[in-house]
């Protein structure tokens, strides 16, 4: 399972962009994803990987989950998947 590819696809779908338009350095803002879109993307990611993302949509800065870039989102998801397997 390639987490990176799947997350890129989910984020691209949410932004209504081609996956080639999404880079690891992209921020949700760069992609035109607002807070509601980000929540929807997180829900899709949770469903795809059967994980629970500790994300506070009302106050993302208070969350342990870094949403500052696609790379940070992928990193966080990979960590959650690894933790779940233990």
PDB file of N, CA and C in Angstrom:
ATOM      1  N   UNK A   1       0.845  -1.181   0.000  1.00  0.00           N
ATOM      2  CA  UNK A   1       0.000   0.000   0.000  1.00  0.00           C
ATOM      3  C   UNK A   1       0.893   1.248   0.000  1.00  0.00           C
ATOM      4  N   UNK A   2       0.732   2.070  -0.986  1.00  0.00           N
ATOM      5  CA  UNK A   2       1.514   3.294  -1.071  1.00  0.00           C
ATOM      6  C   UNK A   2       0.689   4.444  -0.487  1.00  0.00           C
ATOM      7  N   UNK A   3       0.952   4.750   0.761  1.00  0.00           N
ATOM      8  CA  UNK A   3       0.207   5.776   1.483  1.00  0.00           C
ATOM      9  C   UNK A   3       0.291   7.106   0.748  1.00  0.00           C
ATOM     10  N   UNK A   4       1.491   7.453   0.321  1.00  0.00           N
ATOM     11  CA  UNK A   4       1.704   8.751  -0.327  1.00  0.00           C
ATOM     12  C   UNK A   4       0.803   8.922  -1.549  1.00  0.00           C
ATOM     13  N   UNK A   5       0.787   7.910  -2.411  1.00  0.00           N
ATOM     14  CA  UNK A   5      -0.030   8.001  -3.631  1.00  0.00           C
ATOM     15  C   UNK A   5      -1.510   8.114  -3.304  1.00  0.00           C
ATOM     16  N   UNK A   6      -1.958   7.336  -2.327  1.00  0.00           N
ATOM     17  CA  UNK A   6      -3.373   7.361  -1.970  1.00  0.00           C
ATOM     18  C   UNK A   6      -3.771   8.696  -1.358  1.00  0.00           C
ATOM     19  N   UNK A   7      -2.926   9.249  -0.498  1.00  0.00           N
ATOM     20  CA  UNK A   7      -3.220  10.547   0.111  1.00  0.00           C
ATOM     21  C   UNK A   7      -3.217  11.642  -0.955  1.00  0.00           C
ATOM     22  N   UNK A   8      -2.241  11.604  -1.847  1.00  0.00           N
ATOM     23  CA  UNK A   8      -2.202  12.589  -2.936  1.00  0.00           C
ATOM     24  C   UNK A   8      -3.489  12.534  -3.758  1.00  0.00           C
ATOM     25  N   UNK A   9      -3.978  11.325  -4.035  1.00  0.00           N
ATOM     26  CA  UNK A   9      -5.197  11.172  -4.821  1.00  0.00           C
ATOM     27  C   UNK A   9      -6.407  11.727  -4.072  1.00  0.00           C
ATOM     28  N   UNK A  10      -6.516  11.432  -2.790  1.00  0.00           N
ATOM     29  CA  UNK A  10      -7.638  11.937  -1.988  1.00  0.00           C
ATOM     30  C   UNK A  10      -7.614  13.461  -1.953  1.00  0.00           C
ATOM     31  N   UNK A  11      -6.436  14.030  -1.730  1.00  0.00           N
ATOM     32  CA  UNK A  11      -6.319  15.493  -1.662  1.00  0.00           C
ATOM     33  C   UNK A  11      -6.604  16.118  -3.028  1.00  0.00           C
ATOM     34  N   UNK A  12      -6.111  15.504  -4.082  1.00  0.00           N
ATOM     35  CA  UNK A  12      -6.379  16.014  -5.433  1.00  0.00           C
ATOM     36  C   UNK A  12      -7.883  15.976  -5.728  1.00  0.00           C
ATOM     37  N   UNK A  13      -8.531  14.870  -5.354  1.00  0.00           N
ATOM     38  CA  UNK A  13      -9.973  14.763  -5.567  1.00  0.00           C
ATOM     39  C   UNK A  13     -10.712  15.861  -4.809  1.00  0.00           C
ATOM     40  N   UNK A  14     -10.295  16.103  -3.575  1.00  0.00           N
ATOM     41  CA  UNK A  14     -10.944  17.121  -2.749  1.00  0.00           C
ATOM     42  C   UNK A  14     -10.755  18.513  -3.351  1.00  0.00           C
ATOM     43  N   UNK A  15      -9.578  18.753  -3.923  1.00  0.00           N
ATOM     44  CA  UNK A  15      -9.277  20.063  -4.516  1.00  0.00           C
ATOM     45  C   UNK A  15      -9.792  20.179  -5.950  1.00  0.00           C
ATOM     46  N   UNK A  16     -10.355  19.063  -6.450  1.00  0.00           N
ATOM     47  CA  UNK A  16     -10.818  18.985  -7.838  1.00  0.00           C
ATOM     48  C   UNK A  16      -9.689  19.331  -8.808  1.00  0.00           C
ATOM     49  N   UNK A  17      -8.528  18.738  -8.525  1.00  0.00           N
ATOM     50  CA  UNK A  17      -7.349  18.922  -9.355  1.00  0.00           C
ATOM     51  C   UNK A  17      -6.873  17.558  -9.843  1.00  0.00           C
ATOM     52  N   UNK A  18      -6.023  17.581 -10.847  1.00  0.00           N
ATOM     53  CA  UNK A  18      -5.354  16.361 -11.270  1.00  0.00           C
ATOM     54  C   UNK A  18      -4.274  16.065 -10.240  1.00  0.00           C
ATOM     55  N   UNK A  19      -4.045  14.787  -9.978  1.00  0.00           N
ATOM     56  CA  UNK A  19      -3.057  14.419  -8.959  1.00  0.00           C
ATOM     57  C   UNK A  19      -1.671  14.980  -9.312  1.00  0.00           C
ATOM     58  N   UNK A  20      -1.391  15.192 -10.578  1.00  0.00           N
ATOM     59  CA  UNK A  20      -0.094  15.749 -10.986  1.00  0.00           C
ATOM     60  C   UNK A  20       0.058  17.217 -10.571  1.00  0.00           C
ATOM     61  N   UNK A  21      -1.064  17.867 -10.210  1.00  0.00           N
ATOM     62  CA  UNK A  21      -1.025  19.264  -9.764  1.00  0.00           C
ATOM     63  C   UNK A  21      -0.767  19.396  -8.267  1.00  0.00           C
ATOM     64  N   UNK A  22      -0.702  18.254  -7.570  1.00  0.00           N
ATOM     65  CA  UNK A  22      -0.506  18.253  -6.125  1.00  0.00           C
ATOM     66  C   UNK A  22       0.904  17.763  -5.832  1.00  0.00           C
ATOM     67  N   UNK A  23       1.670  18.580  -5.106  1.00  0.00           N
ATOM     68  CA  UNK A  23       3.025  18.164  -4.738  1.00  0.00           C
ATOM     69  C   UNK A  23       3.104  17.962  -3.237  1.00  0.00           C
ATOM     70  N   UNK A  24       4.162  17.341  -2.789  1.00  0.00           N
ATOM     71  CA  UNK A  24       4.352  17.118  -1.365  1.00  0.00           C
ATOM     72  C   UNK A  24       4.518  18.443  -0.621  1.00  0.00           C
ATOM     73  N   UNK A  25       4.972  19.481  -1.320  1.00  0.00           N
ATOM     74  CA  UNK A  25       5.160  20.795  -0.698  1.00  0.00           C
ATOM     75  C   UNK A  25       3.888  21.636  -0.687  1.00  0.00           C
ATOM     76  N   UNK A  26       2.849  21.187  -1.386  1.00  0.00           N
ATOM     77  CA  UNK A  26       1.602  21.954  -1.447  1.00  0.00           C
ATOM     78  C   UNK A  26       0.973  22.073  -0.070  1.00  0.00           C
ATOM     79  N   UNK A  27       0.391  23.232   0.192  1.00  0.00           N
ATOM     80  CA  UNK A  27      -0.395  23.405   1.411  1.00  0.00           C
ATOM     81  C   UNK A  27      -1.864  23.310   1.005  1.00  0.00           C
ATOM     82  N   UNK A  28      -2.742  23.044   1.963  1.00  0.00           N
ATOM     83  CA  UNK A  28      -4.167  23.048   1.611  1.00  0.00           C
ATOM     84  C   UNK A  28      -4.581  24.368   0.963  1.00  0.00           C
ATOM     85  N   UNK A  29      -4.037  25.472   1.463  1.00  0.00           N
ATOM     86  CA  UNK A  29      -4.368  26.785   0.904  1.00  0.00           C
ATOM     87  C   UNK A  29      -3.918  26.895  -0.555  1.00  0.00           C
ATOM     88  N   UNK A  30      -2.709  26.384  -0.845  1.00  0.00           N
ATOM     89  CA  UNK A  30      -2.201  26.412  -2.224  1.00  0.00           C
ATOM     90  C   UNK A  30      -3.169  25.730  -3.177  1.00  0.00           C
ATOM     91  N   UNK A  31      -3.814  24.689  -2.675  1.00  0.00           N
ATOM     92  CA  UNK A  31      -4.684  23.855  -3.504  1.00  0.00           C
ATOM     93  C   UNK A  31      -6.129  24.333  -3.503  1.00  0.00           C
ATOM     94  N   UNK A  32      -6.390  25.393  -2.758  1.00  0.00           N
ATOM     95  CA  UNK A  32      -7.743  25.929  -2.705  1.00  0.00           C
ATOM     96  C   UNK A  32      -8.673  25.110  -1.824  1.00  0.00           C
ATOM     97  N   UNK A  33      -8.094  24.379  -0.875  1.00  0.00           N
ATOM     98  CA  UNK A  33      -8.915  23.569   0.034  1.00  0.00           C
ATOM     99  C   UNK A  33      -9.192  24.387   1.290  1.00  0.00           C
ATOM    100  N   UNK A  34     -10.473  24.646   1.537  1.00  0.00           N
ATOM    101  CA  UNK A  34     -10.846  25.391   2.745  1.00  0.00           C
ATOM    102  C   UNK A  34     -10.983  24.427   3.916  1.00  0.00           C
ATOM    103  N   UNK A  35     -11.367  24.940   5.075  1.00  0.00           N
ATOM    104  CA  UNK A  35     -11.420  24.097   6.269  1.00  0.00           C
ATOM    105  C   UNK A  35     -12.427  22.964   6.128  1.00  0.00           C
ATOM    106  N   UNK A  36     -13.559  23.231   5.496  1.00  0.00           N
ATOM    107  CA  UNK A  36     -14.546  22.167   5.288  1.00  0.00           C
ATOM    108  C   UNK A  36     -13.986  21.097   4.348  1.00  0.00           C
ATOM    109  N   UNK A  37     -13.338  21.527   3.295  1.00  0.00           N
ATOM    110  CA  UNK A  37     -12.728  20.584   2.362  1.00  0.00           C
ATOM    111  C   UNK A  37     -11.653  19.750   3.032  1.00  0.00           C
ATOM    112  N   UNK A  38     -10.915  20.371   3.933  1.00  0.00           N
ATOM    113  CA  UNK A  38      -9.868  19.658   4.651  1.00  0.00           C
ATOM    114  C   UNK A  38     -10.473  18.596   5.565  1.00  0.00           C
ATOM    115  N   UNK A  39     -11.567  18.953   6.237  1.00  0.00           N
ATOM    116  CA  UNK A  39     -12.255  17.976   7.088  1.00  0.00           C
ATOM    117  C   UNK A  39     -12.747  16.800   6.237  1.00  0.00           C
ATOM    118  N   UNK A  40     -13.323  17.086   5.083  1.00  0.00           N
ATOM    119  CA  UNK A  40     -13.794  16.021   4.198  1.00  0.00           C
ATOM    120  C   UNK A  40     -12.636  15.141   3.739  1.00  0.00           C
ATOM    121  N   UNK A  41     -11.498  15.753   3.435  1.00  0.00           N
ATOM    122  CA  UNK A  41     -10.321  14.977   3.029  1.00  0.00           C
ATOM    123  C   UNK A  41      -9.848  14.092   4.175  1.00  0.00           C
ATOM    124  N   UNK A  42      -9.836  14.627   5.396  1.00  0.00           N
ATOM    125  CA  UNK A  42      -9.426  13.848   6.570  1.00  0.00           C
ATOM    126  C   UNK A  42     -10.369  12.662   6.760  1.00  0.00           C
ATOM    127  N   UNK A  43     -11.689  12.888   6.611  1.00  0.00           N
ATOM    128  CA  UNK A  43     -12.647  11.784   6.727  1.00  0.00           C
ATOM    129  C   UNK A  43     -12.358  10.707   5.684  1.00  0.00           C
ATOM    130  N   UNK A  44     -12.076  11.120   4.458  1.00  0.00           N
ATOM    131  CA  UNK A  44     -11.766  10.159   3.393  1.00  0.00           C
ATOM    132  C   UNK A  44     -10.504   9.371   3.715  1.00  0.00           C
ATOM    133  N   UNK A  45      -9.518  10.062   4.252  1.00  0.00           N
ATOM    134  CA  UNK A  45      -8.255   9.414   4.626  1.00  0.00           C
ATOM    135  C   UNK A  45      -8.490   8.406   5.750  1.00  0.00           C
ATOM    136  N   UNK A  46      -9.286   8.810   6.746  1.00  0.00           N
ATOM    137  CA  UNK A  46      -9.589   7.894   7.847  1.00  0.00           C
ATOM    138  C   UNK A  46     -10.266   6.627   7.331  1.00  0.00           C
ATOM    139  N   UNK A  47     -11.211   6.813   6.432  1.00  0.00           N
ATOM    140  CA  UNK A  47     -11.935   5.678   5.870  1.00  0.00           C
ATOM    141  C   UNK A  47     -11.007   4.791   5.037  1.00  0.00           C
ATOM    142  N   UNK A  48     -10.184   5.413   4.212  1.00  0.00           N
ATOM    143  CA  UNK A  48      -9.275   4.680   3.324  1.00  0.00           C
ATOM    144  C   UNK A  48      -8.296   3.809   4.114  1.00  0.00           C
ATOM    145  N   UNK A  49      -7.757   4.351   5.199  1.00  0.00           N
ATOM    146  CA  UNK A  49      -6.700   3.653   5.940  1.00  0.00           C
ATOM    147  C   UNK A  49      -7.184   3.034   7.251  1.00  0.00           C
ATOM    148  N   UNK A  50      -8.484   3.176   7.545  1.00  0.00           N
ATOM    149  CA  UNK A  50      -9.066   2.638   8.767  1.00  0.00           C
ATOM    150  C   UNK A  50      -8.286   3.110  10.001  1.00  0.00           C
ATOM    151  N   UNK A  51      -8.118   4.433  10.072  1.00  0.00           N
ATOM    152  CA  UNK A  51      -7.416   5.059  11.192  1.00  0.00           C
ATOM    153  C   UNK A  51      -8.280   6.198  11.724  1.00  0.00           C
ATOM    154  N   UNK A  52      -7.910   6.708  12.876  1.00  0.00           N
ATOM    155  CA  UNK A  52      -8.578   7.872  13.442  1.00  0.00           C
ATOM    156  C   UNK A  52      -7.548   8.990  13.542  1.00  0.00           C
ATOM    157  N   UNK A  53      -7.800  10.069  12.822  1.00  0.00           N
ATOM    158  CA  UNK A  53      -6.868  11.194  12.792  1.00  0.00           C
ATOM    159  C   UNK A  53      -7.218  12.167  13.914  1.00  0.00           C
ATOM    160  N   UNK A  54      -6.256  12.472  14.796  1.00  0.00           N
ATOM    161  CA  UNK A  54      -6.514  13.413  15.889  1.00  0.00           C
ATOM    162  C   UNK A  54      -6.475  14.846  15.375  1.00  0.00           C
ATOM    163  N   UNK A  55      -7.548  15.237  14.723  1.00  0.00           N
ATOM    164  CA  UNK A  55      -7.593  16.530  14.060  1.00  0.00           C
ATOM    165  C   UNK A  55      -8.743  17.338  14.625  1.00  0.00           C
ATOM    166  N   UNK A  56      -8.459  18.533  15.096  1.00  0.00           N
ATOM    167  CA  UNK A  56      -9.486  19.414  15.625  1.00  0.00           C
ATOM    168  C   UNK A  56      -9.810  20.453  14.557  1.00  0.00           C
ATOM    169  N   UNK A  57     -10.910  20.245  13.860  1.00  0.00           N
ATOM    170  CA  UNK A  57     -11.279  21.141  12.759  1.00  0.00           C
ATOM    171  C   UNK A  57     -11.537  22.563  13.239  1.00  0.00           C
ATOM    172  N   UNK A  58     -11.989  22.695  14.478  1.00  0.00           N
ATOM    173  CA  UNK A  58     -12.274  24.032  15.005  1.00  0.00           C
ATOM    174  C   UNK A  58     -11.009  24.788  15.378  1.00  0.00           C
ATOM    175  N   UNK A  59      -9.951  24.056  15.683  1.00  0.00           N
ATOM    176  CA  UNK A  59      -8.700  24.692  16.072  1.00  0.00           C
ATOM    177  C   UNK A  59      -7.515  23.820  15.665  1.00  0.00           C
ATOM    178  N   UNK A  60      -7.193  23.824  14.358  1.00  0.00           N
ATOM    179  CA  UNK A  60      -6.110  22.954  13.869  1.00  0.00           C
ATOM    180  C   UNK A  60      -4.781  23.168  14.586  1.00  0.00           C
ATOM    181  N   UNK A  61      -4.541  24.368  15.093  1.00  0.00           N
ATOM    182  CA  UNK A  61      -3.268  24.620  15.771  1.00  0.00           C
ATOM    183  C   UNK A  61      -3.174  23.868  17.095  1.00  0.00           C
ATOM    184  N   UNK A  62      -4.314  23.447  17.642  1.00  0.00           N
ATOM    185  CA  UNK A  62      -4.338  22.695  18.895  1.00  0.00           C
ATOM    186  C   UNK A  62      -4.201  21.190  18.670  1.00  0.00           C
ATOM    187  N   UNK A  63      -4.152  20.782  17.425  1.00  0.00           N
ATOM    188  CA  UNK A  63      -4.110  19.363  17.090  1.00  0.00           C
ATOM    189  C   UNK A  63      -2.675  18.857  17.064  1.00  0.00           C
ATOM    190  N   UNK A  64      -2.509  17.580  17.355  1.00  0.00           N
ATOM    191  CA  UNK A  64      -1.193  16.948  17.224  1.00  0.00           C
ATOM    192  C   UNK A  64      -0.909  16.588  15.771  1.00  0.00           C
ATOM    193  N   UNK A  65      -1.916  16.738  14.933  1.00  0.00           N
ATOM    194  CA  UNK A  65      -1.793  16.332  13.536  1.00  0.00           C
ATOM    195  C   UNK A  65      -1.458  17.548  12.677  1.00  0.00           C
ATOM    196  N   UNK A  66      -0.298  17.531  12.039  1.00  0.00           N
ATOM    197  CA  UNK A  66       0.190  18.675  11.264  1.00  0.00           C
ATOM    198  C   UNK A  66      -0.420  18.674   9.858  1.00  0.00           C
ATOM    199  N   UNK A  67      -1.153  19.727   9.547  1.00  0.00           N
ATOM    200  CA  UNK A  67      -1.801  19.830   8.230  1.00  0.00           C
ATOM    201  C   UNK A  67      -1.181  20.944   7.393  1.00  0.00           C
ATOM    202  N   UNK A  68       0.051  21.330   7.734  1.00  0.00           N
ATOM    203  CA  UNK A  68       0.651  22.486   7.069  1.00  0.00           C
ATOM    204  C   UNK A  68       1.037  22.216   5.616  1.00  0.00           C
ATOM    205  N   UNK A  69       1.246  20.951   5.269  1.00  0.00           N
ATOM    206  CA  UNK A  69       1.583  20.612   3.884  1.00  0.00           C
ATOM    207  C   UNK A  69       1.164  19.171   3.610  1.00  0.00           C
ATOM    208  N   UNK A  70       1.123  18.820   2.343  1.00  0.00           N
ATOM    209  CA  UNK A  70       0.791  17.441   1.960  1.00  0.00           C
ATOM    210  C   UNK A  70       1.813  16.479   2.567  1.00  0.00           C
ATOM    211  N   UNK A  71       3.087  16.854   2.552  1.00  0.00           N
ATOM    212  CA  UNK A  71       4.134  15.990   3.108  1.00  0.00           C
ATOM    213  C   UNK A  71       3.889  15.719   4.587  1.00  0.00           C
ATOM    214  N   UNK A  72       3.498  16.746   5.342  1.00  0.00           N
ATOM    215  CA  UNK A  72       3.241  16.586   6.779  1.00  0.00           C
ATOM    216  C   UNK A  72       2.009  15.711   7.013  1.00  0.00           C
ATOM    217  N   UNK A  73       1.007  15.859   6.163  1.00  0.00           N
ATOM    218  CA  UNK A  73      -0.192  15.024   6.277  1.00  0.00           C
ATOM    219  C   UNK A  73       0.173  13.562   6.034  1.00  0.00           C
ATOM    220  N   UNK A  74       0.938  13.295   4.979  1.00  0.00           N
ATOM    221  CA  UNK A  74       1.371  11.927   4.673  1.00  0.00           C
ATOM    222  C   UNK A  74       2.195  11.365   5.827  1.00  0.00           C
ATOM    223  N   UNK A  75       3.108  12.175   6.342  1.00  0.00           N
ATOM    224  CA  UNK A  75       3.964  11.752   7.459  1.00  0.00           C
ATOM    225  C   UNK A  75       3.110  11.372   8.674  1.00  0.00           C
ATOM    226  N   UNK A  76       2.126  12.195   8.977  1.00  0.00           N
ATOM    227  CA  UNK A  76       1.240  11.928  10.105  1.00  0.00           C
ATOM    228  C   UNK A  76       0.432  10.664   9.921  1.00  0.00           C
ATOM    229  N   UNK A  77      -0.037  10.432   8.709  1.00  0.00           N
ATOM    230  CA  UNK A  77      -0.835   9.237   8.432  1.00  0.00           C
ATOM    231  C   UNK A  77       0.021   7.986   8.525  1.00  0.00           C
ATOM    232  N   UNK A  78       1.231   8.056   7.979  1.00  0.00           N
ATOM    233  CA  UNK A  78       2.130   6.892   8.069  1.00  0.00           C
ATOM    234  C   UNK A  78       2.421   6.554   9.530  1.00  0.00           C
ATOM    235  N   UNK A  79       2.582   7.582  10.364  1.00  0.00           N
ATOM    236  CA  UNK A  79       2.836   7.368  11.788  1.00  0.00           C
ATOM    237  C   UNK A  79       1.621   6.712  12.459  1.00  0.00           C
ATOM    238  N   UNK A  80       0.425   7.204  12.135  1.00  0.00           N
ATOM    239  CA  UNK A  80      -0.794   6.630  12.708  1.00  0.00           C
ATOM    240  C   UNK A  80      -0.974   5.175  12.297  1.00  0.00           C
ATOM    241  N   UNK A  81      -0.680   4.868  11.038  1.00  0.00           N
ATOM    242  CA  UNK A  81      -0.797   3.484  10.551  1.00  0.00           C
ATOM    243  C   UNK A  81       0.194   2.586  11.289  1.00  0.00           C
ATOM    244  N   UNK A  82       1.417   3.069  11.455  1.00  0.00           N
ATOM    245  CA  UNK A  82       2.443   2.289  12.158  1.00  0.00           C
ATOM    246  C   UNK A  82       2.043   2.050  13.611  1.00  0.00           C
ATOM    247  N   UNK A  83       1.499   3.094  14.264  1.00  0.00           N
ATOM    248  CA  UNK A  83       1.078   2.962  15.659  1.00  0.00           C
ATOM    249  C   UNK A  83      -0.067   1.968  15.807  1.00  0.00           C
ATOM    250  N   UNK A  84      -0.939   1.944  14.829  1.00  0.00           N
ATOM    251  CA  UNK A  84      -2.110   1.076  14.885  1.00  0.00           C
ATOM    252  C   UNK A  84      -1.711  -0.403  14.763  1.00  0.00           C
ATOM    253  N   UNK A  85      -0.618  -0.655  14.085  1.00  0.00           N
ATOM    254  CA  UNK A  85      -0.171  -2.034  13.863  1.00  0.00           C
ATOM    255  C   UNK A  85       0.509  -2.629  15.096  1.00  0.00           C
ATOM    256  N   UNK A  86       0.869  -1.780  16.049  1.00  0.00           N
ATOM    257  CA  UNK A  86       1.569  -2.289  17.229  1.00  0.00           C
ATOM    258  C   UNK A  86       0.607  -2.695  18.317  1.00  0.00           C
TER     259      UNK A  86
END
